[in-house]
Amino acid sequence: MGTGAIVVLTCLQLLPAGTVYYKYGKMAGNPTAHWYPFAGATISGSTITLTLTDGADGDDDLQQNSAITDPGGPVMPMGVPVGAASIPTLSEWALLLLSTLTGLFALAWLRGRKVAGA
């Protein structure tokens, strides 16, 4: 095998549990380019550490030529929420005030209809 390299990727946010690093390319056992989970990746928090070897799985051209081609990226498991966002609502008192005002406007509208119809 050729020389190796350790690449550290830092993401802007924590990666959810179950995140896997996938690579696109050829493997020694499958020379057709395809997506596959890369065993040389370690994921912890917001950091992905890749251990790459020139000419081995993870190097797209599979040649010991002092160049490692590394197309790939993290894949988050389906169904795992990335982040929950709170939805702003009115307080109980604001809802009571809004309901009271709506009732008063409805009452005034009904009184106006009775006066116009009389």
N, C-alpha and C. Protein backbone atom coordinates (compact mmCIF):
# COMPACT_ATOMS: atom_id res chain seq x y z
N MET A 1 0.83 -1.19 0.00
CA MET A 1 0.00 0.00 0.00
C MET A 1 0.87 1.25 0.00
N GLY A 2 0.23 2.34 -0.41
CA GLY A 2 0.96 3.60 -0.50
C GLY A 2 0.97 4.35 0.81
N THR A 3 1.35 5.61 0.72
CA THR A 3 1.41 6.47 1.90
C THR A 3 0.01 6.83 2.34
N GLY A 4 -0.11 7.27 3.57
CA GLY A 4 -1.41 7.59 4.13
C GLY A 4 -1.55 9.06 4.45
N ALA A 5 -2.79 9.41 4.73
CA ALA A 5 -3.10 10.78 5.14
C ALA A 5 -4.27 10.73 6.11
N ILE A 6 -4.24 11.63 7.08
CA ILE A 6 -5.36 11.78 8.00
C ILE A 6 -5.96 13.15 7.73
N VAL A 7 -7.25 13.14 7.41
CA VAL A 7 -7.97 14.37 7.09
C VAL A 7 -9.04 14.58 8.16
N VAL A 8 -9.09 15.77 8.74
CA VAL A 8 -10.08 16.09 9.76
C VAL A 8 -11.04 17.13 9.19
N LEU A 9 -12.32 16.79 9.16
CA LEU A 9 -13.37 17.70 8.70
C LEU A 9 -14.16 18.16 9.92
N THR A 10 -14.41 19.46 10.02
CA THR A 10 -15.19 19.99 11.13
C THR A 10 -16.46 20.61 10.57
N CYS A 11 -17.60 20.10 11.03
CA CYS A 11 -18.91 20.60 10.58
C CYS A 11 -19.35 21.74 11.49
N LEU A 12 -20.29 22.54 11.01
CA LEU A 12 -20.76 23.70 11.76
C LEU A 12 -21.66 23.33 12.93
N GLN A 13 -22.25 22.14 12.89
CA GLN A 13 -23.12 21.71 13.98
C GLN A 13 -22.84 20.24 14.31
N LEU A 14 -23.35 19.80 15.45
CA LEU A 14 -23.16 18.42 15.85
C LEU A 14 -23.83 17.49 14.85
N LEU A 15 -23.18 16.39 14.56
CA LEU A 15 -23.75 15.40 13.65
C LEU A 15 -24.59 14.42 14.47
N PRO A 16 -25.81 14.09 14.01
CA PRO A 16 -26.66 13.20 14.79
C PRO A 16 -26.08 11.80 14.88
N ALA A 17 -26.48 11.09 15.93
CA ALA A 17 -26.03 9.70 16.10
C ALA A 17 -26.43 8.89 14.88
N GLY A 18 -25.57 8.01 14.45
CA GLY A 18 -25.85 7.18 13.28
C GLY A 18 -25.35 7.75 11.97
N THR A 19 -24.73 8.95 12.01
CA THR A 19 -24.18 9.55 10.79
C THR A 19 -23.01 8.69 10.30
N VAL A 20 -22.97 8.46 8.98
CA VAL A 20 -21.94 7.63 8.36
C VAL A 20 -21.29 8.44 7.25
N TYR A 21 -19.99 8.25 7.04
CA TYR A 21 -19.30 8.92 5.93
C TYR A 21 -19.33 7.99 4.72
N TYR A 22 -19.91 8.48 3.62
CA TYR A 22 -19.99 7.70 2.38
C TYR A 22 -19.00 8.26 1.37
N LYS A 23 -18.41 7.38 0.60
CA LYS A 23 -17.50 7.77 -0.47
C LYS A 23 -18.08 7.31 -1.79
N TYR A 24 -17.70 7.99 -2.85
CA TYR A 24 -18.11 7.60 -4.19
C TYR A 24 -16.86 7.24 -4.98
N GLY A 25 -16.86 6.05 -5.53
CA GLY A 25 -15.72 5.65 -6.32
C GLY A 25 -15.58 4.15 -6.39
N LYS A 26 -14.39 3.73 -6.78
CA LYS A 26 -14.08 2.31 -6.95
C LYS A 26 -13.52 1.74 -5.66
N MET A 27 -13.67 0.43 -5.53
CA MET A 27 -13.07 -0.29 -4.41
C MET A 27 -12.28 -1.46 -5.01
N ALA A 28 -11.35 -1.99 -4.24
CA ALA A 28 -10.56 -3.12 -4.73
C ALA A 28 -11.47 -4.29 -5.11
N GLY A 29 -12.52 -4.52 -4.35
CA GLY A 29 -13.43 -5.63 -4.63
C GLY A 29 -14.54 -5.30 -5.62
N ASN A 30 -14.68 -4.03 -6.00
CA ASN A 30 -15.72 -3.60 -6.93
C ASN A 30 -15.19 -2.41 -7.74
N PRO A 31 -14.65 -2.65 -8.95
CA PRO A 31 -14.04 -1.57 -9.72
C PRO A 31 -15.04 -0.62 -10.38
N THR A 32 -16.34 -0.85 -10.20
CA THR A 32 -17.36 0.06 -10.73
C THR A 32 -17.61 1.16 -9.70
N ALA A 33 -17.61 2.41 -10.14
CA ALA A 33 -17.84 3.53 -9.22
C ALA A 33 -19.24 3.43 -8.62
N HIS A 34 -19.31 3.57 -7.30
CA HIS A 34 -20.59 3.49 -6.58
C HIS A 34 -20.41 4.16 -5.22
N TRP A 35 -21.54 4.42 -4.53
CA TRP A 35 -21.51 4.96 -3.17
C TRP A 35 -21.33 3.80 -2.20
N TYR A 36 -20.49 3.99 -1.18
CA TYR A 36 -20.30 2.96 -0.16
C TYR A 36 -19.89 3.62 1.16
N PRO A 37 -20.30 3.01 2.28
CA PRO A 37 -19.86 3.56 3.57
C PRO A 37 -18.36 3.34 3.74
N PHE A 38 -17.67 4.39 4.12
CA PHE A 38 -16.21 4.33 4.23
C PHE A 38 -15.82 3.90 5.65
N ALA A 39 -15.17 2.76 5.75
CA ALA A 39 -14.78 2.20 7.05
C ALA A 39 -13.67 3.00 7.72
N GLY A 40 -12.94 3.80 6.96
CA GLY A 40 -11.82 4.56 7.52
C GLY A 40 -12.23 5.90 8.10
N ALA A 41 -13.52 6.07 8.40
CA ALA A 41 -14.00 7.34 8.95
C ALA A 41 -14.40 7.16 10.41
N THR A 42 -14.05 8.13 11.23
CA THR A 42 -14.47 8.17 12.63
C THR A 42 -15.24 9.47 12.83
N ILE A 43 -16.47 9.36 13.33
CA ILE A 43 -17.33 10.54 13.52
C ILE A 43 -17.58 10.73 15.00
N SER A 44 -17.29 11.94 15.49
CA SER A 44 -17.48 12.26 16.90
C SER A 44 -17.90 13.71 17.03
N GLY A 45 -19.10 13.93 17.53
CA GLY A 45 -19.60 15.30 17.70
C GLY A 45 -19.78 15.98 16.36
N SER A 46 -18.97 16.99 16.10
CA SER A 46 -19.04 17.71 14.82
C SER A 46 -17.79 17.47 13.98
N THR A 47 -17.00 16.45 14.34
CA THR A 47 -15.74 16.18 13.66
C THR A 47 -15.77 14.82 12.96
N ILE A 48 -15.29 14.82 11.72
CA ILE A 48 -15.13 13.58 10.96
C ILE A 48 -13.64 13.42 10.68
N THR A 49 -13.06 12.30 11.10
CA THR A 49 -11.65 12.03 10.86
C THR A 49 -11.56 10.90 9.85
N LEU A 50 -10.89 11.16 8.72
CA LEU A 50 -10.72 10.17 7.67
C LEU A 50 -9.28 9.69 7.65
N THR A 51 -9.10 8.39 7.62
CA THR A 51 -7.77 7.80 7.48
C THR A 51 -7.71 7.22 6.07
N LEU A 52 -6.93 7.86 5.20
CA LEU A 52 -6.86 7.49 3.79
C LEU A 52 -5.49 6.93 3.45
N THR A 53 -5.47 5.95 2.55
CA THR A 53 -4.21 5.35 2.09
C THR A 53 -4.18 5.39 0.57
N ASP A 54 -3.10 5.89 0.04
CA ASP A 54 -2.93 5.98 -1.42
C ASP A 54 -2.98 4.59 -2.04
N GLY A 55 -3.90 4.39 -2.99
CA GLY A 55 -4.02 3.12 -3.70
C GLY A 55 -4.95 2.11 -3.04
N ALA A 56 -5.51 2.43 -1.88
CA ALA A 56 -6.41 1.51 -1.17
C ALA A 56 -7.85 1.99 -1.29
N ASP A 57 -8.78 1.20 -0.72
CA ASP A 57 -10.17 1.63 -0.67
C ASP A 57 -10.23 3.01 -0.03
N GLY A 58 -11.00 3.89 -0.64
CA GLY A 58 -11.06 5.27 -0.18
C GLY A 58 -10.31 6.21 -1.11
N ASP A 59 -9.40 5.67 -1.92
CA ASP A 59 -8.71 6.45 -2.95
C ASP A 59 -9.37 6.06 -4.27
N ASP A 60 -10.06 6.99 -4.88
CA ASP A 60 -10.91 6.69 -6.04
C ASP A 60 -10.17 6.01 -7.19
N ASP A 61 -8.91 6.37 -7.46
CA ASP A 61 -8.23 5.77 -8.61
C ASP A 61 -7.55 4.43 -8.29
N LEU A 62 -7.48 4.06 -7.00
CA LEU A 62 -6.88 2.80 -6.55
C LEU A 62 -5.44 2.61 -7.03
N GLN A 63 -4.74 3.70 -7.30
CA GLN A 63 -3.35 3.63 -7.76
C GLN A 63 -2.44 4.32 -6.75
N GLN A 64 -1.27 3.73 -6.53
CA GLN A 64 -0.28 4.37 -5.68
C GLN A 64 0.47 5.40 -6.51
N ASN A 65 -0.06 6.61 -6.55
CA ASN A 65 0.53 7.66 -7.39
C ASN A 65 0.74 8.96 -6.62
N SER A 66 0.80 8.86 -5.30
CA SER A 66 0.99 10.02 -4.42
C SER A 66 -0.13 11.04 -4.51
N ALA A 67 -1.31 10.59 -4.95
CA ALA A 67 -2.49 11.46 -5.01
C ALA A 67 -3.70 10.66 -4.53
N ILE A 68 -4.45 11.22 -3.61
CA ILE A 68 -5.65 10.56 -3.10
C ILE A 68 -6.85 11.40 -3.52
N THR A 69 -7.73 10.77 -4.29
CA THR A 69 -8.96 11.43 -4.72
C THR A 69 -10.05 11.00 -3.75
N ASP A 70 -10.74 11.98 -3.15
CA ASP A 70 -11.65 11.67 -2.04
C ASP A 70 -13.03 12.28 -2.23
N PRO A 71 -13.83 11.82 -3.21
CA PRO A 71 -15.20 12.33 -3.27
C PRO A 71 -16.06 11.62 -2.22
N GLY A 72 -16.74 12.38 -1.39
CA GLY A 72 -17.58 11.78 -0.36
C GLY A 72 -18.13 12.81 0.57
N GLY A 73 -18.93 12.35 1.53
CA GLY A 73 -19.50 13.26 2.51
C GLY A 73 -20.32 12.51 3.54
N PRO A 74 -20.70 13.21 4.62
CA PRO A 74 -21.48 12.57 5.67
C PRO A 74 -22.92 12.33 5.22
N VAL A 75 -23.46 11.22 5.66
CA VAL A 75 -24.86 10.87 5.37
C VAL A 75 -25.55 10.69 6.71
N MET A 76 -26.63 11.43 6.91
CA MET A 76 -27.37 11.33 8.16
C MET A 76 -28.49 10.32 8.00
N PRO A 77 -28.75 9.51 9.02
CA PRO A 77 -29.79 8.49 8.90
C PRO A 77 -31.16 9.10 8.67
N MET A 78 -31.96 8.42 7.86
CA MET A 78 -33.29 8.91 7.55
C MET A 78 -34.19 8.84 8.78
N GLY A 79 -35.03 9.82 8.95
CA GLY A 79 -35.97 9.81 10.06
C GLY A 79 -35.43 10.44 11.33
N VAL A 80 -34.18 10.80 11.35
CA VAL A 80 -33.61 11.44 12.53
C VAL A 80 -33.76 12.94 12.39
N PRO A 81 -34.49 13.59 13.30
CA PRO A 81 -34.65 15.04 13.18
C PRO A 81 -33.32 15.75 13.39
N VAL A 82 -33.00 16.65 12.48
CA VAL A 82 -31.74 17.37 12.57
C VAL A 82 -31.79 18.41 13.68
N GLY A 83 -32.89 19.09 13.78
CA GLY A 83 -33.04 20.09 14.84
C GLY A 83 -34.50 20.49 14.96
N ALA A 84 -34.95 20.63 16.15
CA ALA A 84 -36.34 21.03 16.37
C ALA A 84 -36.40 22.54 16.52
N ALA A 85 -37.40 23.14 15.91
CA ALA A 85 -37.59 24.58 16.01
C ALA A 85 -38.87 24.85 16.78
N SER A 86 -38.79 25.72 17.76
CA SER A 86 -39.99 26.04 18.53
C SER A 86 -40.88 26.97 17.72
N ILE A 87 -42.18 26.83 17.92
CA ILE A 87 -43.15 27.66 17.23
C ILE A 87 -43.68 28.68 18.23
N PRO A 88 -43.50 29.96 17.95
CA PRO A 88 -43.97 30.97 18.90
C PRO A 88 -45.49 31.00 18.98
N THR A 89 -46.00 31.14 20.19
CA THR A 89 -47.45 31.24 20.41
C THR A 89 -47.72 32.40 21.35
N LEU A 90 -48.99 32.75 21.48
CA LEU A 90 -49.39 33.79 22.41
C LEU A 90 -49.49 33.21 23.81
N SER A 91 -49.32 34.07 24.81
CA SER A 91 -49.49 33.63 26.20
C SER A 91 -50.98 33.42 26.47
N GLU A 92 -51.30 32.81 27.61
CA GLU A 92 -52.70 32.56 27.98
C GLU A 92 -53.47 33.88 28.09
N TRP A 93 -52.84 34.89 28.65
CA TRP A 93 -53.51 36.19 28.82
C TRP A 93 -53.75 36.87 27.47
N ALA A 94 -52.81 36.75 26.57
CA ALA A 94 -52.99 37.35 25.25
C ALA A 94 -54.12 36.64 24.50
N LEU A 95 -54.22 35.31 24.63
CA LEU A 95 -55.32 34.58 24.01
C LEU A 95 -56.66 34.99 24.60
N LEU A 96 -56.72 35.18 25.94
CA LEU A 96 -57.96 35.61 26.59
C LEU A 96 -58.36 37.00 26.10
N LEU A 97 -57.39 37.92 26.00
CA LEU A 97 -57.68 39.27 25.52
C LEU A 97 -58.15 39.24 24.07
N LEU A 98 -57.49 38.46 23.23
CA LEU A 98 -57.88 38.35 21.82
C LEU A 98 -59.28 37.77 21.67
N SER A 99 -59.61 36.76 22.47
CA SER A 99 -60.94 36.16 22.43
C SER A 99 -62.00 37.16 22.88
N THR A 100 -61.70 37.92 23.93
CA THR A 100 -62.65 38.94 24.43
C THR A 100 -62.89 40.02 23.38
N LEU A 101 -61.81 40.50 22.75
CA LEU A 101 -61.96 41.52 21.72
C LEU A 101 -62.77 41.00 20.52
N THR A 102 -62.53 39.76 20.14
CA THR A 102 -63.29 39.16 19.04
C THR A 102 -64.76 39.09 19.40
N GLY A 103 -65.06 38.70 20.63
CA GLY A 103 -66.46 38.64 21.10
C GLY A 103 -67.10 40.02 21.10
N LEU A 104 -66.38 41.05 21.55
CA LEU A 104 -66.93 42.41 21.57
C LEU A 104 -67.19 42.92 20.15
N PHE A 105 -66.29 42.66 19.22
CA PHE A 105 -66.51 43.08 17.83
C PHE A 105 -67.70 42.34 17.23
N ALA A 106 -67.85 41.07 17.53
CA ALA A 106 -68.99 40.31 17.02
C ALA A 106 -70.29 40.86 17.59
N LEU A 107 -70.30 41.20 18.88
CA LEU A 107 -71.49 41.77 19.52
C LEU A 107 -71.84 43.13 18.89
N ALA A 108 -70.84 43.98 18.66
CA ALA A 108 -71.09 45.28 18.04
C ALA A 108 -71.63 45.10 16.62
N TRP A 109 -71.11 44.13 15.90
CA TRP A 109 -71.57 43.88 14.53
C TRP A 109 -73.04 43.41 14.54
N LEU A 110 -73.40 42.53 15.49
CA LEU A 110 -74.78 42.06 15.59
C LEU A 110 -75.72 43.20 15.97
N ARG A 111 -75.31 44.07 16.86
CA ARG A 111 -76.15 45.22 17.23
C ARG A 111 -76.34 46.15 16.04
N GLY A 112 -75.31 46.34 15.24
CA GLY A 112 -75.40 47.20 14.07
C GLY A 112 -76.37 46.62 13.05
N ARG A 113 -76.43 45.32 12.92
CA ARG A 113 -77.35 44.67 11.98
C ARG A 113 -78.79 44.86 12.44
N LYS A 114 -79.04 44.76 13.76
CA LYS A 114 -80.40 44.92 14.30
C LYS A 114 -80.90 46.34 14.09
N VAL A 115 -80.02 47.34 14.31
CA VAL A 115 -80.41 48.74 14.14
C VAL A 115 -80.71 49.01 12.68
N ALA A 116 -79.90 48.48 11.75
CA ALA A 116 -80.10 48.73 10.34
C ALA A 116 -81.36 48.04 9.83
N GLY A 117 -81.68 46.90 10.43
CA GLY A 117 -82.85 46.13 9.96
C GLY A 117 -84.14 46.60 10.60
N ALA A 118 -84.12 47.45 11.63
CA ALA A 118 -85.33 47.87 12.34
C ALA A 118 -86.10 48.92 11.64
